[in-house]
Amino acid sequence: MFKFLFFIIFFIVLMTLLMGFSFLRTLKRVLFGSSESEKKARQQQRQANRNASRQRTENMTPPKKKIFTKEEGEYIDYEEIKE
């Protein structure tokens, strides 16, 4: 019983600390702006995403084209044979 209660209290304290640090980081960013290293990291991430996207489109093979013979699709006259 006490282990479970200790786990719940520990979890609540941990979540409170994480939310507090997140709030402080957001407040710092609002008040002082982003640092140069954060801007560079975001720019490098965007560039890496563009390169990965470009490579995916280059690696895609075009769909196989259907090959038709010269006779296929040609209209042929026919007669119905009535018996």
C-alpha atoms as a PDB file:
ATOM      1  CA  MET A   1       0.000   0.000   0.000  1.00  0.00           C
ATOM      2  CA  PHE A   2       2.774   2.446   0.933  1.00  0.00           C
ATOM      3  CA  LYS A   3       4.771   1.607  -2.193  1.00  0.00           C
ATOM      4  CA  PHE A   4       1.835   2.520  -4.393  1.00  0.00           C
ATOM      5  CA  LEU A   5       1.200   5.728  -2.432  1.00  0.00           C
ATOM      6  CA  PHE A   6       4.908   6.624  -2.640  1.00  0.00           C
ATOM      7  CA  PHE A   7       4.832   6.012  -6.398  1.00  0.00           C
ATOM      8  CA  ILE A   8       1.809   8.295  -6.859  1.00  0.00           C
ATOM      9  CA  ILE A   9       3.398  11.089  -4.787  1.00  0.00           C
ATOM     10  CA  PHE A  10       6.713  10.711  -6.647  1.00  0.00           C
ATOM     11  CA  PHE A  11       4.905  10.856 -10.003  1.00  0.00           C
ATOM     12  CA  ILE A  12       3.002  14.008  -9.014  1.00  0.00           C
ATOM     13  CA  VAL A  13       6.205  15.722  -7.803  1.00  0.00           C
ATOM     14  CA  LEU A  14       8.036  14.729 -10.992  1.00  0.00           C
ATOM     15  CA  MET A  15       5.269  16.053 -13.236  1.00  0.00           C
ATOM     16  CA  THR A  16       5.124  19.304 -11.255  1.00  0.00           C
ATOM     17  CA  LEU A  17       8.869  19.818 -11.672  1.00  0.00           C
ATOM     18  CA  LEU A  18       8.714  19.114 -15.402  1.00  0.00           C
ATOM     19  CA  MET A  19       5.831  21.539 -15.898  1.00  0.00           C
ATOM     20  CA  GLY A  20       7.674  24.172 -13.841  1.00  0.00           C
ATOM     21  CA  PHE A  21      10.850  23.875 -15.916  1.00  0.00           C
ATOM     22  CA  SER A  22       8.825  24.016 -19.106  1.00  0.00           C
ATOM     23  CA  PHE A  23       7.063  27.156 -17.893  1.00  0.00           C
ATOM     24  CA  LEU A  24      10.362  28.802 -16.937  1.00  0.00           C
ATOM     25  CA  ARG A  25      11.931  27.961 -20.306  1.00  0.00           C
ATOM     26  CA  THR A  26       8.932  29.435 -22.128  1.00  0.00           C
ATOM     27  CA  LEU A  27       9.014  32.548 -19.948  1.00  0.00           C
ATOM     28  CA  LYS A  28      12.748  32.979 -20.643  1.00  0.00           C
ATOM     29  CA  ARG A  29      12.167  32.628 -24.374  1.00  0.00           C
ATOM     30  CA  VAL A  30       9.350  35.195 -24.315  1.00  0.00           C
ATOM     31  CA  LEU A  31      11.286  37.725 -22.262  1.00  0.00           C
ATOM     32  CA  PHE A  32      14.770  37.347 -23.735  1.00  0.00           C
ATOM     33  CA  GLY A  33      14.173  35.752 -27.146  1.00  0.00           C
ATOM     34  CA  SER A  34      15.844  32.681 -28.605  1.00  0.00           C
ATOM     35  CA  SER A  35      19.584  32.252 -28.361  1.00  0.00           C
ATOM     36  CA  GLU A  36      21.795  32.053 -31.438  1.00  0.00           C
ATOM     37  CA  SER A  37      22.505  28.373 -30.889  1.00  0.00           C
ATOM     38  CA  GLU A  38      18.761  27.583 -30.819  1.00  0.00           C
ATOM     39  CA  LYS A  39      18.242  29.539 -34.048  1.00  0.00           C
ATOM     40  CA  LYS A  40      21.099  27.695 -35.744  1.00  0.00           C
ATOM     41  CA  ALA A  41      19.816  24.338 -34.516  1.00  0.00           C
ATOM     42  CA  ARG A  42      16.332  25.072 -35.895  1.00  0.00           C
ATOM     43  CA  GLN A  43      17.804  26.211 -39.214  1.00  0.00           C
ATOM     44  CA  GLN A  44      19.939  23.058 -39.490  1.00  0.00           C
ATOM     45  CA  GLN A  45      16.908  20.894 -38.678  1.00  0.00           C
ATOM     46  CA  ARG A  46      14.864  22.581 -41.417  1.00  0.00           C
ATOM     47  CA  GLN A  47      17.707  22.091 -43.902  1.00  0.00           C
ATOM     48  CA  ALA A  48      18.027  18.418 -42.955  1.00  0.00           C
ATOM     49  CA  ASN A  49      14.270  17.951 -43.425  1.00  0.00           C
ATOM     50  CA  ARG A  50      14.435  19.575 -46.870  1.00  0.00           C
ATOM     51  CA  ASN A  51      17.358  17.365 -47.898  1.00  0.00           C
ATOM     52  CA  ALA A  52      15.585  14.217 -46.688  1.00  0.00           C
ATOM     53  CA  SER A  53      12.429  15.209 -48.559  1.00  0.00           C
ATOM     54  CA  ARG A  54      14.423  15.891 -51.715  1.00  0.00           C
ATOM     55  CA  GLN A  55      16.174  12.509 -51.483  1.00  0.00           C
ATOM     56  CA  ARG A  56      12.862  10.687 -51.037  1.00  0.00           C
ATOM     57  CA  THR A  57      11.437  12.273 -54.188  1.00  0.00           C
ATOM     58  CA  GLU A  58      14.618  11.545 -56.150  1.00  0.00           C
ATOM     59  CA  ASN A  59      14.661   7.894 -55.049  1.00  0.00           C
ATOM     60  CA  MET A  60      11.076   7.289 -56.116  1.00  0.00           C
ATOM     61  CA  THR A  61      10.940   5.259 -59.307  1.00  0.00           C
ATOM     62  CA  PRO A  62       8.404   6.324 -61.914  1.00  0.00           C
ATOM     63  CA  PRO A  63       5.458   3.973 -62.284  1.00  0.00           C
ATOM     64  CA  LYS A  64       5.869   1.285 -64.912  1.00  0.00           C
ATOM     65  CA  LYS A  65       4.241   2.170 -68.185  1.00  0.00           C
ATOM     66  CA  LYS A  66       1.840  -0.287 -69.722  1.00  0.00           C
ATOM     67  CA  ILE A  67       3.091  -1.584 -73.051  1.00  0.00           C
ATOM     68  CA  PHE A  68       0.475  -1.998 -75.764  1.00  0.00           C
ATOM     69  CA  THR A  69       0.951  -3.985 -78.922  1.00  0.00           C
ATOM     70  CA  LYS A  70       0.080  -2.409 -82.262  1.00  0.00           C
ATOM     71  CA  GLU A  71      -2.976  -4.638 -82.643  1.00  0.00           C
ATOM     72  CA  GLU A  72      -4.397  -3.953 -79.225  1.00  0.00           C
ATOM     73  CA  GLY A  73      -7.239  -1.471 -79.226  1.00  0.00           C
ATOM     74  CA  GLU A  74      -7.691  -1.650 -82.992  1.00  0.00           C
ATOM     75  CA  TYR A  75     -11.280  -1.716 -84.216  1.00  0.00           C
ATOM     76  CA  ILE A  76     -12.261  -4.898 -86.061  1.00  0.00           C
ATOM     77  CA  ASP A  77     -15.458  -5.381 -88.045  1.00  0.00           C
ATOM     78  CA  TYR A  78     -17.387  -8.480 -87.212  1.00  0.00           C
ATOM     79  CA  GLU A  79     -20.679 -10.123 -88.163  1.00  0.00           C
ATOM     80  CA  GLU A  80     -23.015 -11.928 -85.881  1.00  0.00           C
ATOM     81  CA  ILE A  81     -23.768 -15.410 -87.099  1.00  0.00           C
ATOM     82  CA  LYS A  82     -27.365 -16.430 -86.450  1.00  0.00           C
ATOM     83  CA  GLU A  83     -28.145 -20.098 -86.456  1.00  0.00           C
END
